[in-house]
Structure formats: C-alpha cells, structure tokens
PDB file of all heavy atoms in Angstrom:
ATOM      1  N   GLY A   1      -1.283   6.818 -86.759  1.00  0.00           N
ATOM      2  CA  GLY A   1      -2.555   6.646 -87.450  1.00  0.00           C
ATOM      3  C   GLY A   1      -3.423   7.888 -87.444  1.00  0.00           C
ATOM      4  O   GLY A   1      -4.584   7.846 -87.872  1.00  0.00           O
ATOM      5  N   ARG A   2      -2.880   9.030 -86.982  1.00  0.00           N
ATOM      6  CA  ARG A   2      -3.662  10.263 -86.915  1.00  0.00           C
ATOM      7  C   ARG A   2      -3.684  10.975 -88.257  1.00  0.00           C
ATOM      8  O   ARG A   2      -2.686  10.998 -88.982  1.00  0.00           O
ATOM      9  CB  ARG A   2      -3.107  11.206 -85.857  1.00  0.00           C
ATOM     10  CG  ARG A   2      -3.336  10.749 -84.426  1.00  0.00           C
ATOM     11  CD  ARG A   2      -3.040  11.877 -83.444  1.00  0.00           C
ATOM     12  NE  ARG A   2      -1.643  12.295 -83.528  1.00  0.00           N
ATOM     13  CZ  ARG A   2      -0.674  11.806 -82.770  1.00  0.00           C
ATOM     14  NH1 ARG A   2      -0.941  10.855 -81.881  1.00  0.00           N
ATOM     15  NH2 ARG A   2       0.565  12.246 -82.887  1.00  0.00           N
ATOM     16  N   GLU A   3      -4.838  11.592 -88.559  1.00  0.00           N
ATOM     17  CA  GLU A   3      -4.975  12.420 -89.744  1.00  0.00           C
ATOM     18  C   GLU A   3      -5.013  13.893 -89.349  1.00  0.00           C
ATOM     19  O   GLU A   3      -5.694  14.264 -88.384  1.00  0.00           O
ATOM     20  CB  GLU A   3      -6.261  12.090 -90.506  1.00  0.00           C
ATOM     21  CG  GLU A   3      -6.318  10.700 -91.090  1.00  0.00           C
ATOM     22  CD  GLU A   3      -7.630  10.454 -91.820  1.00  0.00           C
ATOM     23  OE1 GLU A   3      -8.194  11.434 -92.371  1.00  0.00           O
ATOM     24  OE2 GLU A   3      -8.098   9.301 -91.831  1.00  0.00           O
ATOM     25  N   THR A   4      -4.292  14.721 -90.077  1.00  0.00           N
ATOM     26  CA  THR A   4      -4.404  16.170 -89.957  1.00  0.00           C
ATOM     27  C   THR A   4      -4.953  16.663 -91.286  1.00  0.00           C
ATOM     28  O   THR A   4      -4.312  16.497 -92.327  1.00  0.00           O
ATOM     29  CB  THR A   4      -3.039  16.814 -89.678  1.00  0.00           C
ATOM     30  OG1 THR A   4      -2.501  16.268 -88.470  1.00  0.00           O
ATOM     31  CG2 THR A   4      -3.162  18.326 -89.543  1.00  0.00           C
ATOM     32  N   VAL A   5      -6.147  17.247 -91.269  1.00  0.00           N
ATOM     33  CA  VAL A   5      -6.840  17.613 -92.499  1.00  0.00           C
ATOM     34  C   VAL A   5      -6.907  19.133 -92.612  1.00  0.00           C
ATOM     35  O   VAL A   5      -7.403  19.820 -91.703  1.00  0.00           O
ATOM     36  CB  VAL A   5      -8.258  17.012 -92.541  1.00  0.00           C
ATOM     37  CG1 VAL A   5      -8.941  17.353 -93.867  1.00  0.00           C
ATOM     38  CG2 VAL A   5      -8.200  15.493 -92.352  1.00  0.00           C
ATOM     39  N   LEU A   6      -6.390  19.657 -93.728  1.00  0.00           N
ATOM     40  CA  LEU A   6      -6.441  21.082 -94.030  1.00  0.00           C
ATOM     41  C   LEU A   6      -7.329  21.260 -95.250  1.00  0.00           C
ATOM     42  O   LEU A   6      -7.150  20.568 -96.262  1.00  0.00           O
ATOM     43  CB  LEU A   6      -5.036  21.620 -94.313  1.00  0.00           C
ATOM     44  CG  LEU A   6      -3.961  21.296 -93.267  1.00  0.00           C
ATOM     45  CD1 LEU A   6      -2.597  21.786 -93.733  1.00  0.00           C
ATOM     46  CD2 LEU A   6      -4.323  21.904 -91.914  1.00  0.00           C
ATOM     47  N   VAL A   7      -8.309  22.183 -95.162  1.00  0.00           N
ATOM     48  CA  VAL A   7      -9.323  22.296 -96.217  1.00  0.00           C
ATOM     49  C   VAL A   7      -9.391  23.724 -96.730  1.00  0.00           C
ATOM     50  O   VAL A   7      -9.353  24.692 -95.960  1.00  0.00           O
ATOM     51  CB  VAL A   7     -10.714  21.857 -95.697  1.00  0.00           C
ATOM     52  CG1 VAL A   7     -11.758  21.947 -96.815  1.00  0.00           C
ATOM     53  CG2 VAL A   7     -10.661  20.439 -95.148  1.00  0.00           C
ATOM     54  N   GLU A   8      -9.488  23.860 -98.056  1.00  0.00           N
ATOM     55  CA  GLU A   8      -9.760  25.132 -98.730  1.00  0.00           C
ATOM     56  C   GLU A   8     -10.995  24.937 -99.617  1.00  0.00           C
ATOM     57  O   GLU A   8     -11.278  23.814-100.054  1.00  0.00           O
ATOM     58  CB  GLU A   8      -8.600  25.560 -99.631  1.00  0.00           C
ATOM     59  CG  GLU A   8      -7.290  25.794 -98.935  1.00  0.00           C
ATOM     60  CD  GLU A   8      -6.175  26.127 -99.924  1.00  0.00           C
ATOM     61  OE1 GLU A   8      -6.323  25.797-101.122  1.00  0.00           O
ATOM     62  OE2 GLU A   8      -5.167  26.705 -99.492  1.00  0.00           O
ATOM     63  N   ARG A   9     -11.686  26.014 -99.913  1.00  0.00           N
ATOM     64  CA  ARG A   9     -12.781  25.955-100.884  1.00  0.00           C
ATOM     65  C   ARG A   9     -12.452  26.903-102.026  1.00  0.00           C
ATOM     66  O   ARG A   9     -12.057  28.056-101.797  1.00  0.00           O
ATOM     67  CB  ARG A   9     -14.117  26.326-100.243  1.00  0.00           C
ATOM     68  CG  ARG A   9     -15.295  26.182-101.212  1.00  0.00           C
ATOM     69  CD  ARG A   9     -16.629  26.312-100.510  1.00  0.00           C
ATOM     70  NE  ARG A   9     -17.736  26.196-101.453  1.00  0.00           N
ATOM     71  CZ  ARG A   9     -18.220  25.056-101.927  1.00  0.00           C
ATOM     72  NH1 ARG A   9     -17.682  23.921-101.518  1.00  0.00           N
ATOM     73  NH2 ARG A   9     -19.222  25.042-102.783  1.00  0.00           N
ATOM     74  N   HIS A  10     -12.573  26.406-103.258  1.00  0.00           N
ATOM     75  CA  HIS A  10     -12.211  27.196-104.428  1.00  0.00           C
ATOM     76  C   HIS A  10     -13.296  27.113-105.482  1.00  0.00           C
ATOM     77  O   HIS A  10     -13.958  26.075-105.649  1.00  0.00           O
ATOM     78  CB  HIS A  10     -10.905  26.675-105.047  1.00  0.00           C
ATOM     79  CG  HIS A  10      -9.701  26.915-104.199  1.00  0.00           C
ATOM     80  ND1 HIS A  10      -9.102  28.141-104.087  1.00  0.00           N
ATOM     81  CD2 HIS A  10      -8.978  26.058-103.425  1.00  0.00           C
ATOM     82  CE1 HIS A  10      -8.054  28.041-103.280  1.00  0.00           C
ATOM     83  NE2 HIS A  10      -7.961  26.791-102.859  1.00  0.00           N
ATOM     84  N   THR A  11     -13.424  28.180-106.240  1.00  0.00           N
ATOM     85  CA  THR A  11     -14.305  28.159-107.402  1.00  0.00           C
ATOM     86  C   THR A  11     -13.574  27.522-108.574  1.00  0.00           C
ATOM     87  O   THR A  11     -12.340  27.446-108.605  1.00  0.00           O
ATOM     88  CB  THR A  11     -14.732  29.574-107.802  1.00  0.00           C
ATOM     89  OG1 THR A  11     -13.565  30.299-108.228  1.00  0.00           O
ATOM     90  CG2 THR A  11     -15.399  30.292-106.636  1.00  0.00           C
ATOM     91  N   ARG A  12     -14.364  27.103-109.534  1.00  0.00           N
ATOM     92  CA  ARG A  12     -13.784  26.517-110.741  1.00  0.00           C
ATOM     93  C   ARG A  12     -12.878  27.516-111.449  1.00  0.00           C
ATOM     94  O   ARG A  12     -11.798  27.160-111.931  1.00  0.00           O
ATOM     95  CB  ARG A  12     -14.921  26.079-111.665  1.00  0.00           C
ATOM     96  CG  ARG A  12     -14.494  25.421-112.962  1.00  0.00           C
ATOM     97  CD  ARG A  12     -15.734  24.965-113.705  1.00  0.00           C
ATOM     98  NE  ARG A  12     -15.441  24.276-114.945  1.00  0.00           N
ATOM     99  CZ  ARG A  12     -16.361  23.672-115.687  1.00  0.00           C
ATOM    100  NH1 ARG A  12     -17.631  23.670-115.288  1.00  0.00           N
ATOM    101  NH2 ARG A  12     -16.030  23.058-116.812  1.00  0.00           N
ATOM    102  N   GLU A  13     -13.295  28.780-111.476  1.00  0.00           N
ATOM    103  CA  GLU A  13     -12.508  29.800-112.167  1.00  0.00           C
ATOM    104  C   GLU A  13     -11.158  30.015-111.486  1.00  0.00           C
ATOM    105  O   GLU A  13     -10.125  30.158-112.159  1.00  0.00           O
ATOM    106  CB  GLU A  13     -13.290  31.122-112.226  1.00  0.00           C
ATOM    107  CG  GLU A  13     -14.497  31.109-113.141  1.00  0.00           C
ATOM    108  CD  GLU A  13     -15.677  30.330-112.550  1.00  0.00           C
ATOM    109  OE1 GLU A  13     -15.683  30.072-111.309  1.00  0.00           O
ATOM    110  OE2 GLU A  13     -16.576  29.947-113.323  1.00  0.00           O
ATOM    111  N   ALA A  14     -11.137  30.044-110.160  1.00  0.00           N
ATOM    112  CA  ALA A  14      -9.872  30.254-109.444  1.00  0.00           C
ATOM    113  C   ALA A  14      -8.916  29.088-109.676  1.00  0.00           C
ATOM    114  O   ALA A  14      -7.707  29.284-109.884  1.00  0.00           O
ATOM    115  CB  ALA A  14     -10.151  30.435-107.953  1.00  0.00           C
ATOM    116  N   LEU A  15      -9.460  27.878-109.647  1.00  0.00           N
ATOM    117  CA  LEU A  15      -8.611  26.705-109.878  1.00  0.00           C
ATOM    118  C   LEU A  15      -8.119  26.658-111.327  1.00  0.00           C
ATOM    119  O   LEU A  15      -6.988  26.236-111.596  1.00  0.00           O
ATOM    120  CB  LEU A  15      -9.373  25.430-109.542  1.00  0.00           C
ATOM    121  CG  LEU A  15      -9.712  25.243-108.055  1.00  0.00           C
ATOM    122  CD1 LEU A  15     -10.638  24.047-107.866  1.00  0.00           C
ATOM    123  CD2 LEU A  15      -8.457  25.068-107.216  1.00  0.00           C
ATOM    124  N   ALA A  16      -8.954  27.105-112.261  1.00  0.00           N
ATOM    125  CA  ALA A  16      -8.538  27.150-113.667  1.00  0.00           C
ATOM    126  C   ALA A  16      -7.388  28.131-113.852  1.00  0.00           C
ATOM    127  O   ALA A  16      -6.421  27.843-114.583  1.00  0.00           O
ATOM    128  CB  ALA A  16      -9.716  27.528-114.549  1.00  0.00           C
ATOM    129  N   ALA A  17      -7.475  29.279-113.187  1.00  0.00           N
ATOM    130  CA  ALA A  17      -6.404  30.276-113.308  1.00  0.00           C
ATOM    131  C   ALA A  17      -5.098  29.738-112.724  1.00  0.00           C
ATOM    132  O   ALA A  17      -4.013  29.935-113.286  1.00  0.00           O
ATOM    133  CB  ALA A  17      -6.824  31.569-112.609  1.00  0.00           C
ATOM    134  N   HIS A  18      -5.192  29.050-111.590  1.00  0.00           N
ATOM    135  CA  HIS A  18      -4.011  28.451-110.963  1.00  0.00           C
ATOM    136  C   HIS A  18      -3.361  27.424-111.891  1.00  0.00           C
ATOM    137  O   HIS A  18      -2.136  27.453-112.123  1.00  0.00           O
ATOM    138  CB  HIS A  18      -4.437  27.780-109.653  1.00  0.00           C
ATOM    139  CG  HIS A  18      -3.425  26.841-109.069  1.00  0.00           C
ATOM    140  ND1 HIS A  18      -2.327  27.264-108.358  1.00  0.00           N
ATOM    141  CD2 HIS A  18      -3.355  25.473-109.100  1.00  0.00           C
ATOM    142  CE1 HIS A  18      -1.624  26.218-107.972  1.00  0.00           C
ATOM    143  NE2 HIS A  18      -2.225  25.123-108.401  1.00  0.00           N
ATOM    144  N   THR A  19      -4.180  26.530-112.447  1.00  0.00           N
ATOM    145  CA  THR A  19      -3.649  25.477-113.312  1.00  0.00           C
ATOM    146  C   THR A  19      -3.109  26.053-114.612  1.00  0.00           C
ATOM    147  O   THR A  19      -2.064  25.627-115.114  1.00  0.00           O
ATOM    148  CB  THR A  19      -4.746  24.436-113.598  1.00  0.00           C
ATOM    149  OG1 THR A  19      -5.284  23.970-112.355  1.00  0.00           O
ATOM    150  CG2 THR A  19      -4.197  23.269-114.388  1.00  0.00           C
ATOM    151  N   GLN A  20      -3.830  27.045-115.168  1.00  0.00           N
ATOM    152  CA  GLN A  20      -3.379  27.680-116.410  1.00  0.00           C
ATOM    153  C   GLN A  20      -2.001  28.304-116.225  1.00  0.00           C
ATOM    154  O   GLN A  20      -1.121  28.172-117.088  1.00  0.00           O
ATOM    155  CB  GLN A  20      -4.390  28.759-116.818  1.00  0.00           C
ATOM    156  CG  GLN A  20      -4.013  29.541-118.060  1.00  0.00           C
ATOM    157  CD  GLN A  20      -4.596  28.943-119.322  1.00  0.00           C
ATOM    158  OE1 GLN A  20      -5.380  28.003-119.247  1.00  0.00           O
ATOM    159  NE2 GLN A  20      -4.197  29.467-120.471  1.00  0.00           N
ATOM    160  N   ALA A  21      -1.769  28.956-115.105  1.00  0.00           N
ATOM    161  CA  ALA A  21      -0.476  29.601-114.862  1.00  0.00           C
ATOM    162  C   ALA A  21       0.648  28.575-114.802  1.00  0.00           C
ATOM    163  O   ALA A  21       1.735  28.781-115.348  1.00  0.00           O
ATOM    164  CB  ALA A  21      -0.536  30.411-113.567  1.00  0.00           C
ATOM    165  N   LEU A  22       0.396  27.447-114.137  1.00  0.00           N
ATOM    166  CA  LEU A  22       1.414  26.404-114.066  1.00  0.00           C
ATOM    167  C   LEU A  22       1.703  25.820-115.447  1.00  0.00           C
ATOM    168  O   LEU A  22       2.867  25.609-115.817  1.00  0.00           O
ATOM    169  CB  LEU A  22       0.958  25.286-113.127  1.00  0.00           C
ATOM    170  CG  LEU A  22       0.807  25.631-111.642  1.00  0.00           C
ATOM    171  CD1 LEU A  22       0.294  24.415-110.872  1.00  0.00           C
ATOM    172  CD2 LEU A  22       2.116  26.110-111.047  1.00  0.00           C
ATOM    173  N   CYS A  23       0.658  25.564-116.219  1.00  0.00           N
ATOM    174  CA  CYS A  23       0.845  24.965-117.540  1.00  0.00           C
ATOM    175  C   CYS A  23       1.570  25.919-118.481  1.00  0.00           C
ATOM    176  O   CYS A  23       2.410  25.480-119.286  1.00  0.00           O
ATOM    177  CB  CYS A  23      -0.502  24.561-118.125  1.00  0.00           C
ATOM    178  SG  CYS A  23      -1.251  23.121-117.304  1.00  0.00           S
ATOM    179  N   GLU A  24       1.287  27.187-118.396  1.00  0.00           N
ATOM    180  CA  GLU A  24       1.987  28.152-119.253  1.00  0.00           C
ATOM    181  C   GLU A  24       3.464  28.230-118.888  1.00  0.00           C
ATOM    182  O   GLU A  24       4.321  28.407-119.748  1.00  0.00           O
ATOM    183  CB  GLU A  24       1.325  29.524-119.138  1.00  0.00           C
ATOM    184  CG  GLU A  24      -0.039  29.580-119.826  1.00  0.00           C
ATOM    185  CD  GLU A  24      -0.739  30.918-119.618  1.00  0.00           C
ATOM    186  OE1 GLU A  24      -0.226  31.739-118.819  1.00  0.00           O
ATOM    187  OE2 GLU A  24      -1.803  31.122-120.234  1.00  0.00           O
ATOM    188  N   ARG A  25       3.767  28.072-117.602  1.00  0.00           N
ATOM    189  CA  ARG A  25       5.157  28.082-117.162  1.00  0.00           C
ATOM    190  C   ARG A  25       5.914  26.862-117.688  1.00  0.00           C
ATOM    191  O   ARG A  25       7.118  26.919-117.912  1.00  0.00           O
ATOM    192  CB  ARG A  25       5.187  28.100-115.633  1.00  0.00           C
ATOM    193  CG  ARG A  25       6.424  28.744-115.014  1.00  0.00           C
ATOM    194  CD  ARG A  25       6.242  28.894-113.512  1.00  0.00           C
ATOM    195  NE  ARG A  25       5.112  29.756-113.204  1.00  0.00           N
ATOM    196  CZ  ARG A  25       4.478  29.767-112.033  1.00  0.00           C
ATOM    197  NH1 ARG A  25       4.855  28.939-111.069  1.00  0.00           N
ATOM    198  NH2 ARG A  25       3.473  30.585-111.833  1.00  0.00           N
ATOM    199  N   TYR A  26       5.195  25.768-117.899  1.00  0.00           N
ATOM    200  CA  TYR A  26       5.823  24.518-118.316  1.00  0.00           C
ATOM    201  C   TYR A  26       5.788  24.297-119.831  1.00  0.00           C
ATOM    202  O   TYR A  26       6.602  23.549-120.373  1.00  0.00           O
ATOM    203  CB  TYR A  26       5.106  23.359-117.618  1.00  0.00           C
ATOM    204  CG  TYR A  26       5.651  21.994-117.927  1.00  0.00           C
ATOM    205  CD1 TYR A  26       6.884  21.583-117.424  1.00  0.00           C
ATOM    206  CD2 TYR A  26       4.937  21.105-118.725  1.00  0.00           C
ATOM    207  CE1 TYR A  26       7.388  20.326-117.708  1.00  0.00           C
ATOM    208  CE2 TYR A  26       5.433  19.838-119.008  1.00  0.00           C
ATOM    209  CZ  TYR A  26       6.657  19.463-118.496  1.00  0.00           C
ATOM    210  OH  TYR A  26       7.156  18.218-118.776  1.00  0.00           O
ATOM    211  N   ARG A  27       4.874  24.974-120.538  1.00  0.00           N
ATOM    212  CA  ARG A  27       4.577  24.628-121.932  1.00  0.00           C
ATOM    213  C   ARG A  27       5.789  24.717-122.851  1.00  0.00           C
ATOM    214  O   ARG A  27       6.067  23.797-123.627  1.00  0.00           O
ATOM    215  CB  ARG A  27       3.461  25.524-122.465  1.00  0.00           C
ATOM    216  CG  ARG A  27       3.071  25.233-123.916  1.00  0.00           C
ATOM    217  CD  ARG A  27       1.959  26.163-124.339  1.00  0.00           C
ATOM    218  NE  ARG A  27       2.348  27.550-124.107  1.00  0.00           N
ATOM    219  CZ  ARG A  27       1.490  28.540-123.819  1.00  0.00           C
ATOM    220  NH1 ARG A  27       0.198  28.261-123.718  1.00  0.00           N
ATOM    221  NH2 ARG A  27       1.911  29.770-123.638  1.00  0.00           N
ATOM    222  N   ASP A  28       6.530  25.815-122.802  1.00  0.00           N
ATOM    223  CA  ASP A  28       7.671  25.976-123.710  1.00  0.00           C
ATOM    224  C   ASP A  28       8.711  24.883-123.480  1.00  0.00           C
ATOM    225  O   ASP A  28       9.307  24.355-124.429  1.00  0.00           O
ATOM    226  CB  ASP A  28       8.309  27.353-123.539  1.00  0.00           C
ATOM    227  CG  ASP A  28       7.427  28.472-124.089  1.00  0.00           C
ATOM    228  OD1 ASP A  28       6.464  28.150-124.831  1.00  0.00           O
ATOM    229  OD2 ASP A  28       7.685  29.648-123.775  1.00  0.00           O
ATOM    230  N   TRP A  29       8.931  24.567-122.216  1.00  0.00           N
ATOM    231  CA  TRP A  29       9.877  23.499-121.909  1.00  0.00           C
ATOM    232  C   TRP A  29       9.367  22.168-122.466  1.00  0.00           C
ATOM    233  O   TRP A  29      10.135  21.389-123.046  1.00  0.00           O
ATOM    234  CB  TRP A  29      10.074  23.401-120.403  1.00  0.00           C
ATOM    235  CG  TRP A  29      11.069  22.349-120.003  1.00  0.00           C
ATOM    236  CD1 TRP A  29      10.801  21.045-119.718  1.00  0.00           C
ATOM    237  CD2 TRP A  29      12.477  22.486-119.893  1.00  0.00           C
ATOM    238  NE1 TRP A  29      11.954  20.363-119.410  1.00  0.00           N
ATOM    239  CE2 TRP A  29      13.000  21.227-119.510  1.00  0.00           C
ATOM    240  CE3 TRP A  29      13.344  23.557-120.056  1.00  0.00           C
ATOM    241  CZ2 TRP A  29      14.359  21.002-119.302  1.00  0.00           C
ATOM    242  CZ3 TRP A  29      14.712  23.336-119.847  1.00  0.00           C
ATOM    243  CH2 TRP A  29      15.205  22.082-119.483  1.00  0.00           C
ATOM    244  N   ALA A  30       8.079  21.899-122.315  1.00  0.00           N
ATOM    245  CA  ALA A  30       7.513  20.644-122.802  1.00  0.00           C
ATOM    246  C   ALA A  30       7.642  20.532-124.314  1.00  0.00           C
ATOM    247  O   ALA A  30       7.963  19.461-124.851  1.00  0.00           O
ATOM    248  CB  ALA A  30       6.049  20.538-122.385  1.00  0.00           C
ATOM    249  N   LEU A  31       7.390  21.625-125.038  1.00  0.00           N
ATOM    250  CA  LEU A  31       7.533  21.600-126.493  1.00  0.00           C
ATOM    251  C   LEU A  31       8.992  21.378-126.891  1.00  0.00           C
ATOM    252  O   LEU A  31       9.288  20.661-127.850  1.00  0.00           O
ATOM    253  CB  LEU A  31       7.001  22.906-127.087  1.00  0.00           C
ATOM    254  CG  LEU A  31       5.483  23.094-126.972  1.00  0.00           C
ATOM    255  CD1 LEU A  31       5.095  24.513-127.362  1.00  0.00           C
ATOM    256  CD2 LEU A  31       4.742  22.073-127.836  1.00  0.00           C
ATOM    257  N   GLN A  32       9.913  21.990-126.140  1.00  0.00           N
ATOM    258  CA  GLN A  32      11.339  21.769-126.390  1.00  0.00           C
ATOM    259  C   GLN A  32      11.697  20.303-126.182  1.00  0.00           C
ATOM    260  O   GLN A  32      12.442  19.713-126.980  1.00  0.00           O
ATOM    261  CB  GLN A  32      12.162  22.640-125.443  1.00  0.00           C
ATOM    262  CG  GLN A  32      13.650  22.287-125.384  1.00  0.00           C
ATOM    263  CD  GLN A  32      14.339  22.912-124.191  1.00  0.00           C
ATOM    264  OE1 GLN A  32      14.560  24.116-124.180  1.00  0.00           O
ATOM    265  NE2 GLN A  32      14.663  22.094-123.189  1.00  0.00           N
ATOM    266  N   GLU A  33      11.184  19.700-125.116  1.00  0.00           N
ATOM    267  CA  GLU A  33      11.473  18.295-124.836  1.00  0.00           C
ATOM    268  C   GLU A  33      10.875  17.378-125.896  1.00  0.00           C
ATOM    269  O   GLU A  33      11.475  16.370-126.268  1.00  0.00           O
ATOM    270  CB  GLU A  33      10.946  17.915-123.447  1.00  0.00           C
ATOM    271  CG  GLU A  33      11.701  18.566-122.314  1.00  0.00           C
ATOM    272  CD  GLU A  33      13.189  18.249-122.375  1.00  0.00           C
ATOM    273  OE1 GLU A  33      13.541  17.075-122.162  1.00  0.00           O
ATOM    274  OE2 GLU A  33      13.976  19.153-122.653  1.00  0.00           O
ATOM    275  N   GLN A  34       9.719  17.728-126.395  1.00  0.00           N
ATOM    276  CA  GLN A  34       9.096  16.939-127.453  1.00  0.00           C
ATOM    277  C   GLN A  34       9.954  16.963-128.717  1.00  0.00           C
ATOM    278  O   GLN A  34      10.180  15.929-129.357  1.00  0.00           O
ATOM    279  CB  GLN A  34       7.701  17.491-127.739  1.00  0.00           C
ATOM    280  CG  GLN A  34       6.812  16.596-128.556  1.00  0.00           C
ATOM    281  CD  GLN A  34       5.432  17.193-128.711  1.00  0.00           C
ATOM    282  OE1 GLN A  34       5.272  18.321-129.180  1.00  0.00           O
ATOM    283  NE2 GLN A  34       4.409  16.441-128.307  1.00  0.00           N
ATOM    284  N   ALA A  35      10.470  18.171-129.058  1.00  0.00           N
ATOM    285  CA  ALA A  35      11.343  18.290-130.229  1.00  0.00           C
ATOM    286  C   ALA A  35      12.664  17.555-130.008  1.00  0.00           C
ATOM    287  O   ALA A  35      13.203  16.922-130.925  1.00  0.00           O
ATOM    288  CB  ALA A  35      11.596  19.769-130.529  1.00  0.00           C
TER     289      ALA A  35
END
C-alpha cells in the first residue's frame, strides 16, 4: 500500500515540444494506417 512519488515541474512550452516531437515521429505512420 506504499506510494513512491516522483515529481517534475515543466513549462507549457517544454511539454508542447516534447509532445510535438512524439506526434511528428508517429504522424507518417498514422497517415499510412489510415490509408
């Protein structure tokens, strides 16, 4: 029942850059799958 909590603090811009990079890596594959 123990919790181990790890915390980071991020700006909106840093999180946007992280998410944008992941989505760009996936986008071409997703469009291929849609077709």
